C-alpha atoms as a PDB file:
ATOM      1  CA  UNK A   1      58.856 -28.601 -32.615  1.00  0.00           C
ATOM      2  CA  UNK A   2      59.999 -27.778 -29.346  1.00  0.00           C
ATOM      3  CA  UNK A   3      57.958 -28.358 -26.087  1.00  0.00           C
ATOM      4  CA  UNK A   4      57.790 -24.600 -25.435  1.00  0.00           C
ATOM      5  CA  UNK A   5      56.319 -23.991 -28.930  1.00  0.00           C
ATOM      6  CA  UNK A   6      53.934 -26.755 -28.766  1.00  0.00           C
ATOM      7  CA  UNK A   7      52.620 -25.564 -25.535  1.00  0.00           C
ATOM      8  CA  UNK A   8      52.122 -22.130 -26.805  1.00  0.00           C
ATOM      9  CA  UNK A   9      50.189 -23.623 -29.838  1.00  0.00           C
ATOM     10  CA  UNK A  10      48.081 -25.523 -27.760  1.00  0.00           C
ATOM     11  CA  UNK A  11      47.231 -22.536 -25.606  1.00  0.00           C
ATOM     12  CA  UNK A  12      46.483 -20.485 -28.808  1.00  0.00           C
ATOM     13  CA  UNK A  13      44.199 -23.351 -30.116  1.00  0.00           C
ATOM     14  CA  UNK A  14      42.282 -23.584 -26.887  1.00  0.00           C
ATOM     15  CA  UNK A  15      41.877 -19.808 -26.532  1.00  0.00           C
ATOM     16  CA  UNK A  16      40.710 -19.613 -30.307  1.00  0.00           C
ATOM     17  CA  UNK A  17      38.128 -22.270 -29.599  1.00  0.00           C
ATOM     18  CA  UNK A  18      36.286 -20.570 -26.757  1.00  0.00           C
ATOM     19  CA  UNK A  19      34.607 -17.214 -26.311  1.00  0.00           C
ATOM     20  CA  UNK A  20      36.329 -15.092 -23.529  1.00  0.00           C
ATOM     21  CA  UNK A  21      34.664 -12.619 -21.195  1.00  0.00           C
ATOM     22  CA  UNK A  22      31.307 -12.988 -22.905  1.00  0.00           C
ATOM     23  CA  UNK A  23      29.607 -11.603 -19.707  1.00  0.00           C
ATOM     24  CA  UNK A  24      31.959  -8.588 -19.308  1.00  0.00           C
ATOM     25  CA  UNK A  25      31.350  -7.464 -22.991  1.00  0.00           C
ATOM     26  CA  UNK A  26      27.690  -7.668 -22.626  1.00  0.00           C
ATOM     27  CA  UNK A  27      27.904  -5.661 -19.657  1.00  0.00           C
ATOM     28  CA  UNK A  28      30.019  -3.072 -21.672  1.00  0.00           C
ATOM     29  CA  UNK A  29      27.443  -2.979 -24.336  1.00  0.00           C
ATOM     30  CA  UNK A  30      24.613  -2.565 -22.040  1.00  0.00           C
ATOM     31  CA  UNK A  31      26.323   0.355 -20.180  1.00  0.00           C
ATOM     32  CA  UNK A  32      27.395   1.982 -23.315  1.00  0.00           C
ATOM     33  CA  UNK A  33      24.006   2.000 -24.621  1.00  0.00           C
ATOM     34  CA  UNK A  34      22.615   3.404 -21.314  1.00  0.00           C
ATOM     35  CA  UNK A  35      25.353   6.206 -21.350  1.00  0.00           C
ATOM     36  CA  UNK A  36      24.096   7.294 -24.669  1.00  0.00           C
ATOM     37  CA  UNK A  37      20.553   7.065 -24.016  1.00  0.00           C
ATOM     38  CA  UNK A  38      21.108   9.228 -20.792  1.00  0.00           C
ATOM     39  CA  UNK A  39      22.982  11.739 -23.111  1.00  0.00           C
ATOM     40  CA  UNK A  40      19.970  12.125 -25.159  1.00  0.00           C
ATOM     41  CA  UNK A  41      17.525  12.020 -22.199  1.00  0.00           C
ATOM     42  CA  UNK A  42      19.533  14.674 -20.212  1.00  0.00           C
ATOM     43  CA  UNK A  43      19.323  17.150 -23.064  1.00  0.00           C
ATOM     44  CA  UNK A  44      15.859  16.372 -24.166  1.00  0.00           C
ATOM     45  CA  UNK A  45      14.304  19.402 -22.850  1.00  0.00           C
ATOM     46  CA  UNK A  46      16.947  21.704 -24.361  1.00  0.00           C
ATOM     47  CA  UNK A  47      17.430  19.607 -27.660  1.00  0.00           C
ATOM     48  CA  UNK A  48      16.320  22.352 -30.179  1.00  0.00           C
ATOM     49  CA  UNK A  49      18.354  25.068 -28.461  1.00  0.00           C
ATOM     50  CA  UNK A  50      21.728  22.710 -28.221  1.00  0.00           C
ATOM     51  CA  UNK A  51      21.345  20.550 -31.365  1.00  0.00           C
ATOM     52  CA  UNK A  52      18.375  22.084 -33.612  1.00  0.00           C
ATOM     53  CA  UNK A  53      19.103  23.927 -36.753  1.00  0.00           C
ATOM     54  CA  UNK A  54      18.184  27.331 -35.227  1.00  0.00           C
ATOM     55  CA  UNK A  55      20.117  26.540 -32.080  1.00  0.00           C
ATOM     56  CA  UNK A  56      23.110  27.987 -30.256  1.00  0.00           C
ATOM     57  CA  UNK A  57      25.496  26.601 -33.079  1.00  0.00           C
ATOM     58  CA  UNK A  58      24.035  27.710 -36.356  1.00  0.00           C
ATOM     59  CA  UNK A  59      23.480  24.977 -38.771  1.00  0.00           C
ATOM     60  CA  UNK A  60      25.393  26.631 -41.585  1.00  0.00           C
ATOM     61  CA  UNK A  61      28.548  27.318 -39.315  1.00  0.00           C
ATOM     62  CA  UNK A  62      28.042  23.594 -38.049  1.00  0.00           C
ATOM     63  CA  UNK A  63      27.978  22.215 -41.563  1.00  0.00           C
ATOM     64  CA  UNK A  64      31.120  24.125 -42.473  1.00  0.00           C
ATOM     65  CA  UNK A  65      32.968  22.827 -39.588  1.00  0.00           C
ATOM     66  CA  UNK A  66      32.058  19.325 -40.140  1.00  0.00           C
ATOM     67  CA  UNK A  67      33.139  19.519 -43.995  1.00  0.00           C
ATOM     68  CA  UNK A  68      36.488  21.355 -42.882  1.00  0.00           C
ATOM     69  CA  UNK A  69      37.129  18.371 -40.426  1.00  0.00           C
ATOM     70  CA  UNK A  70      36.402  15.781 -43.075  1.00  0.00           C
ATOM     71  CA  UNK A  71      33.950  13.900 -40.795  1.00  0.00           C
ATOM     72  CA  UNK A  72      29.972  13.510 -41.087  1.00  0.00           C
ATOM     73  CA  UNK A  73      26.977  13.926 -39.181  1.00  0.00           C
ATOM     74  CA  UNK A  74      23.389  13.084 -39.968  1.00  0.00           C
ATOM     75  CA  UNK A  75      22.503  16.446 -38.865  1.00  0.00           C
ATOM     76  CA  UNK A  76      24.268  18.054 -41.889  1.00  0.00           C
ATOM     77  CA  UNK A  77      21.693  16.533 -44.145  1.00  0.00           C
ATOM     78  CA  UNK A  78      19.034  19.003 -43.887  1.00  0.00           C
ATOM     79  CA  UNK A  79      18.181  22.318 -41.860  1.00  0.00           C
ATOM     80  CA  UNK A  80      14.601  21.106 -41.547  1.00  0.00           C
ATOM     81  CA  UNK A  81      13.250  21.018 -37.892  1.00  0.00           C
ATOM     82  CA  UNK A  82      11.421  17.784 -38.772  1.00  0.00           C
ATOM     83  CA  UNK A  83      14.568  16.108 -40.025  1.00  0.00           C
ATOM     84  CA  UNK A  84      16.421  17.181 -36.682  1.00  0.00           C
ATOM     85  CA  UNK A  85      13.497  15.725 -34.590  1.00  0.00           C
ATOM     86  CA  UNK A  86      13.344  12.437 -36.736  1.00  0.00           C
ATOM     87  CA  UNK A  87      17.357  12.056 -36.244  1.00  0.00           C
ATOM     88  CA  UNK A  88      17.355  13.057 -32.581  1.00  0.00           C
ATOM     89  CA  UNK A  89      14.482  10.632 -31.554  1.00  0.00           C
ATOM     90  CA  UNK A  90      15.770   7.762 -33.739  1.00  0.00           C
ATOM     91  CA  UNK A  91      19.215   8.075 -32.028  1.00  0.00           C
ATOM     92  CA  UNK A  92      17.555   7.960 -28.671  1.00  0.00           C
ATOM     93  CA  UNK A  93      15.517   4.842 -29.610  1.00  0.00           C
ATOM     94  CA  UNK A  94      18.788   3.255 -30.961  1.00  0.00           C
ATOM     95  CA  UNK A  95      20.502   3.798 -27.742  1.00  0.00           C
ATOM     96  CA  UNK A  96      17.501   2.337 -25.719  1.00  0.00           C
ATOM     97  CA  UNK A  97      17.690  -0.725 -28.062  1.00  0.00           C
ATOM     98  CA  UNK A  98      21.344  -1.336 -27.490  1.00  0.00           C
ATOM     99  CA  UNK A  99      20.703  -0.916 -23.804  1.00  0.00           C
ATOM    100  CA  UNK A 100      17.930  -3.365 -23.719  1.00  0.00           C
ATOM    101  CA  UNK A 101      20.003  -5.930 -26.165  1.00  0.00           C
ATOM    102  CA  UNK A 102      17.675  -5.614 -29.009  1.00  0.00           C
ATOM    103  CA  UNK A 103      18.667  -5.322 -32.842  1.00  0.00           C
ATOM    104  CA  UNK A 104      22.024  -7.071 -32.521  1.00  0.00           C
ATOM    105  CA  UNK A 105      25.273  -5.983 -34.096  1.00  0.00           C
ATOM    106  CA  UNK A 106      23.193  -4.172 -36.842  1.00  0.00           C
ATOM    107  CA  UNK A 107      21.582  -2.062 -34.023  1.00  0.00           C
ATOM    108  CA  UNK A 108      24.913  -1.378 -32.363  1.00  0.00           C
ATOM    109  CA  UNK A 109      26.439  -0.034 -35.647  1.00  0.00           C
ATOM    110  CA  UNK A 110      23.414   2.272 -36.281  1.00  0.00           C
ATOM    111  CA  UNK A 111      23.642   3.331 -32.672  1.00  0.00           C
ATOM    112  CA  UNK A 112      27.419   4.340 -33.352  1.00  0.00           C
ATOM    113  CA  UNK A 113      26.230   6.367 -36.367  1.00  0.00           C
ATOM    114  CA  UNK A 114      23.712   8.358 -34.523  1.00  0.00           C
ATOM    115  CA  UNK A 115      26.008   8.650 -31.526  1.00  0.00           C
ATOM    116  CA  UNK A 116      28.742  10.095 -33.644  1.00  0.00           C
ATOM    117  CA  UNK A 117      26.412  12.484 -35.385  1.00  0.00           C
ATOM    118  CA  UNK A 118      25.236  14.126 -32.187  1.00  0.00           C
ATOM    119  CA  UNK A 119      28.493  14.374 -30.734  1.00  0.00           C
ATOM    120  CA  UNK A 120      29.730  16.190 -33.806  1.00  0.00           C
ATOM    121  CA  UNK A 121      26.549  18.453 -33.483  1.00  0.00           C
ATOM    122  CA  UNK A 122      27.643  19.929 -30.125  1.00  0.00           C
ATOM    123  CA  UNK A 123      31.417  19.217 -29.087  1.00  0.00           C
ATOM    124  CA  UNK A 124      31.215  21.626 -26.256  1.00  0.00           C
ATOM    125  CA  UNK A 125      29.077  19.232 -24.167  1.00  0.00           C
ATOM    126  CA  UNK A 126      31.664  16.432 -24.496  1.00  0.00           C
ATOM    127  CA  UNK A 127      33.696  15.320 -21.466  1.00  0.00           C
ATOM    128  CA  UNK A 128      36.028  12.835 -23.106  1.00  0.00           C
ATOM    129  CA  UNK A 129      34.063   9.638 -22.795  1.00  0.00           C
ATOM    130  CA  UNK A 130      32.882  10.235 -26.488  1.00  0.00           C
ATOM    131  CA  UNK A 131      36.473   9.470 -27.745  1.00  0.00           C
ATOM    132  CA  UNK A 132      36.476   6.124 -26.091  1.00  0.00           C
ATOM    133  CA  UNK A 133      33.162   5.227 -27.206  1.00  0.00           C
ATOM    134  CA  UNK A 134      34.092   6.074 -30.851  1.00  0.00           C
ATOM    135  CA  UNK A 135      36.815   3.558 -30.589  1.00  0.00           C
ATOM    136  CA  UNK A 136      35.214   0.606 -28.437  1.00  0.00           C
ATOM    137  CA  UNK A 137      31.852   0.248 -30.168  1.00  0.00           C
ATOM    138  CA  UNK A 138      33.272  -0.815 -33.365  1.00  0.00           C
ATOM    139  CA  UNK A 139      35.578  -3.384 -31.449  1.00  0.00           C
ATOM    140  CA  UNK A 140      32.234  -4.646 -29.733  1.00  0.00           C
ATOM    141  CA  UNK A 141      31.087  -5.502 -33.187  1.00  0.00           C
ATOM    142  CA  UNK A 142      33.371  -8.399 -33.309  1.00  0.00           C
ATOM    143  CA  UNK A 143      32.194  -9.877 -29.983  1.00  0.00           C
ATOM    144  CA  UNK A 144      29.190 -11.646 -28.895  1.00  0.00           C
ATOM    145  CA  UNK A 145      28.111  -8.811 -26.749  1.00  0.00           C
ATOM    146  CA  UNK A 146      24.474  -9.504 -27.076  1.00  0.00           C
ATOM    147  CA  UNK A 147      24.700 -13.176 -25.516  1.00  0.00           C
ATOM    148  CA  UNK A 148      23.814 -11.805 -22.027  1.00  0.00           C
ATOM    149  CA  UNK A 149      21.577  -9.056 -20.762  1.00  0.00           C
ATOM    150  CA  UNK A 150      19.579  -8.877 -23.850  1.00  0.00           C
ATOM    151  CA  UNK A 151      16.017  -9.427 -25.094  1.00  0.00           C
ATOM    152  CA  UNK A 152      16.312 -12.208 -27.561  1.00  0.00           C
ATOM    153  CA  UNK A 153      13.751 -12.584 -30.177  1.00  0.00           C
ATOM    154  CA  UNK A 154      15.151 -15.576 -31.899  1.00  0.00           C
ATOM    155  CA  UNK A 155      15.972 -13.955 -35.113  1.00  0.00           C
ATOM    156  CA  UNK A 156      19.644 -13.834 -34.547  1.00  0.00           C
ATOM    157  CA  UNK A 157      19.475 -17.596 -33.963  1.00  0.00           C
ATOM    158  CA  UNK A 158      17.643 -18.286 -37.224  1.00  0.00           C
ATOM    159  CA  UNK A 159      20.108 -16.211 -38.943  1.00  0.00           C
ATOM    160  CA  UNK A 160      23.245 -17.835 -37.596  1.00  0.00           C
ATOM    161  CA  UNK A 161      21.745 -21.280 -38.075  1.00  0.00           C
ATOM    162  CA  UNK A 162      21.962 -20.479 -41.872  1.00  0.00           C
ATOM    163  CA  UNK A 163      25.423 -19.246 -41.874  1.00  0.00           C
ATOM    164  CA  UNK A 164      28.058 -21.602 -43.268  1.00  0.00           C
ATOM    165  CA  UNK A 165      29.966 -23.739 -40.627  1.00  0.00           C
ATOM    166  CA  UNK A 166      33.184 -22.407 -41.830  1.00  0.00           C
ATOM    167  CA  UNK A 167      32.210 -18.749 -41.147  1.00  0.00           C
ATOM    168  CA  UNK A 168      30.606 -19.827 -37.810  1.00  0.00           C
ATOM    169  CA  UNK A 169      34.053 -21.296 -36.704  1.00  0.00           C
ATOM    170  CA  UNK A 170      35.581 -17.739 -37.002  1.00  0.00           C
ATOM    171  CA  UNK A 171      33.070 -16.565 -34.266  1.00  0.00           C
ATOM    172  CA  UNK A 172      35.461 -17.273 -31.297  1.00  0.00           C
ATOM    173  CA  UNK A 173      38.648 -15.984 -32.795  1.00  0.00           C
ATOM    174  CA  UNK A 174      37.001 -12.833 -33.678  1.00  0.00           C
ATOM    175  CA  UNK A 175      35.068 -12.394 -30.527  1.00  0.00           C
ATOM    176  CA  UNK A 176      38.347 -12.814 -28.666  1.00  0.00           C
ATOM    177  CA  UNK A 177      39.970 -10.429 -30.950  1.00  0.00           C
ATOM    178  CA  UNK A 178      37.510  -7.842 -30.102  1.00  0.00           C
ATOM    179  CA  UNK A 179      37.885  -8.379 -26.314  1.00  0.00           C
ATOM    180  CA  UNK A 180      41.535  -8.225 -26.429  1.00  0.00           C
ATOM    181  CA  UNK A 181      41.410  -5.005 -28.722  1.00  0.00           C
ATOM    182  CA  UNK A 182      39.169  -3.497 -25.982  1.00  0.00           C
ATOM    183  CA  UNK A 183      41.633  -4.620 -23.109  1.00  0.00           C
ATOM    184  CA  UNK A 184      44.568  -3.139 -24.862  1.00  0.00           C
ATOM    185  CA  UNK A 185      42.625   0.139 -25.758  1.00  0.00           C
ATOM    186  CA  UNK A 186      41.952   0.553 -22.038  1.00  0.00           C
ATOM    187  CA  UNK A 187      45.450  -0.150 -20.973  1.00  0.00           C
ATOM    188  CA  UNK A 188      46.820   2.391 -23.397  1.00  0.00           C
ATOM    189  CA  UNK A 189      44.340   4.934 -22.049  1.00  0.00           C
ATOM    190  CA  UNK A 190      45.801   4.357 -18.585  1.00  0.00           C
ATOM    191  CA  UNK A 191      49.429   4.177 -19.399  1.00  0.00           C
ATOM    192  CA  UNK A 192      49.581   7.440 -21.592  1.00  0.00           C
ATOM    193  CA  UNK A 193      47.367   9.335 -19.165  1.00  0.00           C
ATOM    194  CA  UNK A 194      49.582   8.082 -16.155  1.00  0.00           C
ATOM    195  CA  UNK A 195      52.956   9.004 -18.134  1.00  0.00           C
ATOM    196  CA  UNK A 196      51.443  12.247 -19.106  1.00  0.00           C
ATOM    197  CA  UNK A 197      50.931  13.233 -15.503  1.00  0.00           C
ATOM    198  CA  UNK A 198      54.193  12.104 -14.467  1.00  0.00           C
ATOM    199  CA  UNK A 199      55.733  14.825 -16.510  1.00  0.00           C
ATOM    200  CA  UNK A 200      53.704  17.570 -14.931  1.00  0.00           C
ATOM    201  CA  UNK A 201      55.033  19.725 -11.950  1.00  0.00           C
ATOM    202  CA  UNK A 202      51.829  19.663 -10.026  1.00  0.00           C
ATOM    203  CA  UNK A 203      51.555  15.917 -10.260  1.00  0.00           C
ATOM    204  CA  UNK A 204      55.100  15.562  -9.204  1.00  0.00           C
ATOM    205  CA  UNK A 205      54.873  17.847  -6.088  1.00  0.00           C
ATOM    206  CA  UNK A 206      51.439  16.021  -5.070  1.00  0.00           C
ATOM    207  CA  UNK A 207      49.309  19.303  -5.384  1.00  0.00           C
ATOM    208  CA  UNK A 208      47.327  18.579  -8.755  1.00  0.00           C
ATOM    209  CA  UNK A 209      44.277  17.415  -6.829  1.00  0.00           C
ATOM    210  CA  UNK A 210      44.138  20.659  -5.126  1.00  0.00           C
ATOM    211  CA  UNK A 211      43.974  22.904  -8.305  1.00  0.00           C
ATOM    212  CA  UNK A 212      41.586  20.362 -10.101  1.00  0.00           C
ATOM    213  CA  UNK A 213      38.949  20.436  -7.415  1.00  0.00           C
ATOM    214  CA  UNK A 214      39.094  24.319  -7.145  1.00  0.00           C
ATOM    215  CA  UNK A 215      37.991  24.663 -10.821  1.00  0.00           C
ATOM    216  CA  UNK A 216      34.117  25.462 -10.613  1.00  0.00           C
ATOM    217  CA  UNK A 217      33.383  23.202 -13.841  1.00  0.00           C
ATOM    218  CA  UNK A 218      34.933  20.217 -11.883  1.00  0.00           C
ATOM    219  CA  UNK A 219      33.750  20.633  -8.205  1.00  0.00           C
ATOM    220  CA  UNK A 220      31.108  19.358  -6.230  1.00  0.00           C
ATOM    221  CA  UNK A 221      29.932  21.995  -3.628  1.00  0.00           C
ATOM    222  CA  UNK A 222      30.183  20.986  -0.088  1.00  0.00           C
ATOM    223  CA  UNK A 223      32.362  18.034  -0.881  1.00  0.00           C
ATOM    224  CA  UNK A 224      35.195  19.081  -3.071  1.00  0.00           C
ATOM    225  CA  UNK A 225      36.330  21.792  -0.523  1.00  0.00           C
ATOM    226  CA  UNK A 226      36.598  19.011   2.216  1.00  0.00           C
ATOM    227  CA  UNK A 227      39.187  17.260  -0.098  1.00  0.00           C
ATOM    228  CA  UNK A 228      41.297  20.205  -1.215  1.00  0.00           C
ATOM    229  CA  UNK A 229      41.417  21.673   2.186  1.00  0.00           C
ATOM    230  CA  UNK A 230      42.937  18.741   3.561  1.00  0.00           C
ATOM    231  CA  UNK A 231      46.703  18.430   2.684  1.00  0.00           C
ATOM    232  CA  UNK A 232      46.823  14.635   3.297  1.00  0.00           C
ATOM    233  CA  UNK A 233      44.013  13.879   1.155  1.00  0.00           C
ATOM    234  CA  UNK A 234      45.405  16.046  -1.647  1.00  0.00           C
ATOM    235  CA  UNK A 235      48.794  14.360  -1.446  1.00  0.00           C
ATOM    236  CA  UNK A 236      47.422  10.707  -1.379  1.00  0.00           C
ATOM    237  CA  UNK A 237      44.766  11.497  -3.916  1.00  0.00           C
ATOM    238  CA  UNK A 238      47.405  12.883  -6.400  1.00  0.00           C
ATOM    239  CA  UNK A 239      50.129  10.273  -6.087  1.00  0.00           C
ATOM    240  CA  UNK A 240      47.883   7.221  -5.837  1.00  0.00           C
ATOM    241  CA  UNK A 241      46.062   8.502  -9.269  1.00  0.00           C
ATOM    242  CA  UNK A 242      49.622   8.657 -10.901  1.00  0.00           C
ATOM    243  CA  UNK A 243      50.627   5.173  -9.572  1.00  0.00           C
ATOM    244  CA  UNK A 244      47.379   3.511 -10.320  1.00  0.00           C
ATOM    245  CA  UNK A 245      47.172   4.739 -13.968  1.00  0.00           C
ATOM    246  CA  UNK A 246      50.892   3.629 -14.664  1.00  0.00           C
ATOM    247  CA  UNK A 247      50.621   0.200 -13.104  1.00  0.00           C
ATOM    248  CA  UNK A 248      47.181  -0.719 -13.951  1.00  0.00           C
ATOM    249  CA  UNK A 249      48.320  -2.816 -16.964  1.00  0.00           C
ATOM    250  CA  UNK A 250      50.410  -5.008 -14.759  1.00  0.00           C
ATOM    251  CA  UNK A 251      47.559  -5.644 -12.513  1.00  0.00           C
ATOM    252  CA  UNK A 252      45.452  -6.874 -15.325  1.00  0.00           C
ATOM    253  CA  UNK A 253      48.073  -9.180 -16.549  1.00  0.00           C
ATOM    254  CA  UNK A 254      48.060 -11.275 -13.432  1.00  0.00           C
ATOM    255  CA  UNK A 255      44.611 -13.124 -13.260  1.00  0.00           C
ATOM    256  CA  UNK A 256      44.630 -13.112  -9.422  1.00  0.00           C
ATOM    257  CA  UNK A 257      44.953  -9.465  -9.347  1.00  0.00           C
ATOM    258  CA  UNK A 258      42.675  -8.720 -12.395  1.00  0.00           C
ATOM    259  CA  UNK A 259      39.377  -8.285 -10.645  1.00  0.00           C
ATOM    260  CA  UNK A 260      40.759  -6.228  -7.813  1.00  0.00           C
ATOM    261  CA  UNK A 261      42.448  -3.946 -10.528  1.00  0.00           C
ATOM    262  CA  UNK A 262      38.978  -3.769 -12.200  1.00  0.00           C
ATOM    263  CA  UNK A 263      37.479  -2.983  -8.941  1.00  0.00           C
ATOM    264  CA  UNK A 264      39.956  -0.289  -8.129  1.00  0.00           C
ATOM    265  CA  UNK A 265      39.375   1.267 -11.512  1.00  0.00           C
ATOM    266  CA  UNK A 266      35.695   1.270 -11.157  1.00  0.00           C
ATOM    267  CA  UNK A 267      35.937   2.879  -7.720  1.00  0.00           C
ATOM    268  CA  UNK A 268      38.353   5.521  -9.315  1.00  0.00           C
ATOM    269  CA  UNK A 269      36.179   6.436 -12.144  1.00  0.00           C
ATOM    270  CA  UNK A 270      33.022   6.701  -9.916  1.00  0.00           C
ATOM    271  CA  UNK A 271      34.934   9.010  -7.663  1.00  0.00           C
ATOM    272  CA  UNK A 272      35.702  11.247 -10.743  1.00  0.00           C
ATOM    273  CA  UNK A 273      31.995  11.061 -11.918  1.00  0.00           C
ATOM    274  CA  UNK A 274      30.643  12.165  -8.358  1.00  0.00           C
ATOM    275  CA  UNK A 275      33.504  14.753  -7.557  1.00  0.00           C
ATOM    276  CA  UNK A 276      34.073  16.287 -10.886  1.00  0.00           C
ATOM    277  CA  UNK A 277      30.769  15.687 -12.563  1.00  0.00           C
ATOM    278  CA  UNK A 278      32.248  13.781 -15.496  1.00  0.00           C
ATOM    279  CA  UNK A 279      29.458  11.276 -15.370  1.00  0.00           C
ATOM    280  CA  UNK A 280      29.600  10.227 -19.080  1.00  0.00           C
ATOM    281  CA  UNK A 281      33.272   9.621 -19.045  1.00  0.00           C
ATOM    282  CA  UNK A 282      33.274   7.705 -15.761  1.00  0.00           C
ATOM    283  CA  UNK A 283      30.410   5.478 -16.897  1.00  0.00           C
ATOM    284  CA  UNK A 284      32.317   4.943 -20.288  1.00  0.00           C
ATOM    285  CA  UNK A 285      35.451   3.904 -18.513  1.00  0.00           C
ATOM    286  CA  UNK A 286      33.353   1.705 -15.939  1.00  0.00           C
ATOM    287  CA  UNK A 287      31.744  -0.122 -18.916  1.00  0.00           C
ATOM    288  CA  UNK A 288      35.185  -0.921 -20.371  1.00  0.00           C
ATOM    289  CA  UNK A 289      36.523  -2.160 -17.090  1.00  0.00           C
ATOM    290  CA  UNK A 290      33.675  -4.931 -16.999  1.00  0.00           C
ATOM    291  CA  UNK A 291      35.532  -6.988 -19.594  1.00  0.00           C
ATOM    292  CA  UNK A 292      38.219  -7.531 -16.567  1.00  0.00           C
ATOM    293  CA  UNK A 293      35.535  -8.744 -14.292  1.00  0.00           C
ATOM    294  CA  UNK A 294      33.775 -11.148 -16.505  1.00  0.00           C
ATOM    295  CA  UNK A 295      34.927 -14.138 -14.509  1.00  0.00           C
ATOM    296  CA  UNK A 296      34.167 -12.638 -11.023  1.00  0.00           C
ATOM    297  CA  UNK A 297      30.750 -11.475 -12.186  1.00  0.00           C
ATOM    298  CA  UNK A 298      30.138 -15.125 -13.675  1.00  0.00           C
ATOM    299  CA  UNK A 299      31.075 -16.664 -10.191  1.00  0.00           C
ATOM    300  CA  UNK A 300      28.873 -13.959  -8.237  1.00  0.00           C
ATOM    301  CA  UNK A 301      25.758 -14.846 -10.842  1.00  0.00           C
ATOM    302  CA  UNK A 302      26.214 -18.518 -10.328  1.00  0.00           C
ATOM    303  CA  UNK A 303      26.125 -18.312  -6.483  1.00  0.00           C
ATOM    304  CA  UNK A 304      23.162 -15.915  -6.532  1.00  0.00           C
ATOM    305  CA  UNK A 305      21.289 -17.931  -9.110  1.00  0.00           C
ATOM    306  CA  UNK A 306      19.766 -20.416  -6.526  1.00  0.00           C
ATOM    307  CA  UNK A 307      18.525 -17.637  -4.541  1.00  0.00           C
ATOM    308  CA  UNK A 308      17.095 -15.602  -7.373  1.00  0.00           C
ATOM    309  CA  UNK A 309      15.302 -19.092  -8.403  1.00  0.00           C
ATOM    310  CA  UNK A 310      14.014 -19.472  -4.890  1.00  0.00           C
ATOM    311  CA  UNK A 311      12.708 -15.800  -4.870  1.00  0.00           C
ATOM    312  CA  UNK A 312      11.016 -16.239  -8.264  1.00  0.00           C
ATOM    313  CA  UNK A 313       9.137 -19.413  -7.198  1.00  0.00           C
ATOM    314  CA  UNK A 314       8.094 -18.012  -3.738  1.00  0.00           C
ATOM    315  CA  UNK A 315       4.286 -17.554  -3.779  1.00  0.00           C
ATOM    316  CA  UNK A 316       3.614 -19.291  -7.092  1.00  0.00           C
ATOM    317  CA  UNK A 317       0.622 -21.416  -7.100  1.00  0.00           C
ATOM    318  CA  UNK A 318       1.371 -25.199  -6.336  1.00  0.00           C
ATOM    319  CA  UNK A 319       5.029 -24.488  -5.349  1.00  0.00           C
ATOM    320  CA  UNK A 320       4.429 -24.330  -1.430  1.00  0.00           C
ATOM    321  CA  UNK A 321       3.419 -27.196   0.873  1.00  0.00           C
ATOM    322  CA  UNK A 322       0.580 -29.393  -0.603  1.00  0.00           C
ATOM    323  CA  UNK A 323      -2.693 -29.239   0.985  1.00  0.00           C
ATOM    324  CA  UNK A 324      -3.650 -32.360   3.038  1.00  0.00           C
ATOM    325  CA  UNK A 325      -6.123 -34.299   1.246  1.00  0.00           C
ATOM    326  CA  UNK A 326      -9.086 -35.973   3.043  1.00  0.00           C
ATOM    327  CA  UNK A 327      -8.508 -39.350   4.526  1.00  0.00           C
ATOM    328  CA  UNK A 328     -10.389 -41.242   1.815  1.00  0.00           C
ATOM    329  CA  UNK A 329      -8.722 -39.326  -0.891  1.00  0.00           C
ATOM    330  CA  UNK A 330      -5.419 -39.763   0.663  1.00  0.00           C
ATOM    331  CA  UNK A 331      -5.891 -43.521   0.771  1.00  0.00           C
ATOM    332  CA  UNK A 332      -6.737 -43.784  -2.679  1.00  0.00           C
ATOM    333  CA  UNK A 333      -3.849 -41.815  -3.948  1.00  0.00           C
ATOM    334  CA  UNK A 334      -0.687 -43.904  -4.189  1.00  0.00           C
ATOM    335  CA  UNK A 335       2.306 -42.841  -2.275  1.00  0.00           C
ATOM    336  CA  UNK A 336       4.213 -42.353  -5.579  1.00  0.00           C
ATOM    337  CA  UNK A 337       1.738 -39.675  -6.633  1.00  0.00           C
ATOM    338  CA  UNK A 338       2.005 -37.451  -3.534  1.00  0.00           C
ATOM    339  CA  UNK A 339       3.916 -34.354  -4.389  1.00  0.00           C
ATOM    340  CA  UNK A 340       7.179 -33.638  -2.703  1.00  0.00           C
ATOM    341  CA  UNK A 341       7.720 -30.658  -0.353  1.00  0.00           C
ATOM    342  CA  UNK A 342       9.829 -27.943  -2.106  1.00  0.00           C
END
């Protein structure tokens, strides 16, 4: 075996033995759960009109479309109002559980089923983030996305302790496979979107942003007009978007550039959410970008941990300066028993 092949095998063995980007995928799970929960919450007042059996899309027509598409939705099971309320509120609670980190992989799978069902019920409200959520959540099932930012009840540890060691040894490879699959999916979204824009005439002549921000559905009153009325901002925004999308995968391949590429992507999608109102799509993309920021987030949390502990201990009884004992009592207490200053 040559030295190069041996080195490659050693690298693969090392990667298979440790879990990568645990902090990042945990943040991805949390934010995707939050996006799902906010989708339910934002439509809660109009839920019967938008998703109910007697809503804007009649139940019979909706059921026919689902069957023609060869897909499924829990909302097709019955046209009962009670069934609708049960499914809607159960989906809302499942999304909240994923956000809080309750339920583990089973809870995440249940959330995916409910999310798919409600997205199929009213496709008009979707902004593109749903397509990515469909793909990413099953990939998250392979990862240890409940290791951080989760409320642990100890049940998962009890179950994992009973799993045979042979199966437990697959945890790291499966986790890393899920992380790599999400990373490849995000890079594919960027590259395809960038190459598609390159072929468009408006993206080639630098005027695409002007026309996009003038669409009433994608405009922010009082802000969008400040952008599309400025030729320089339109020119820079159009070309920088195309360049960023096409070359993003190259940025994440270089470890030193990876955090900066992720931060640029987050800023890019936050601006989309603010200027164009595509908040669901923007937050879904930001959630997936977090896997590239796992290392930087870990360093930041490690640096802020002492400050957090200090703030938590501040004001606790017995953690401040010890009160001075009376003279006789002080003499009776040995030096080794006097508490140290914190």
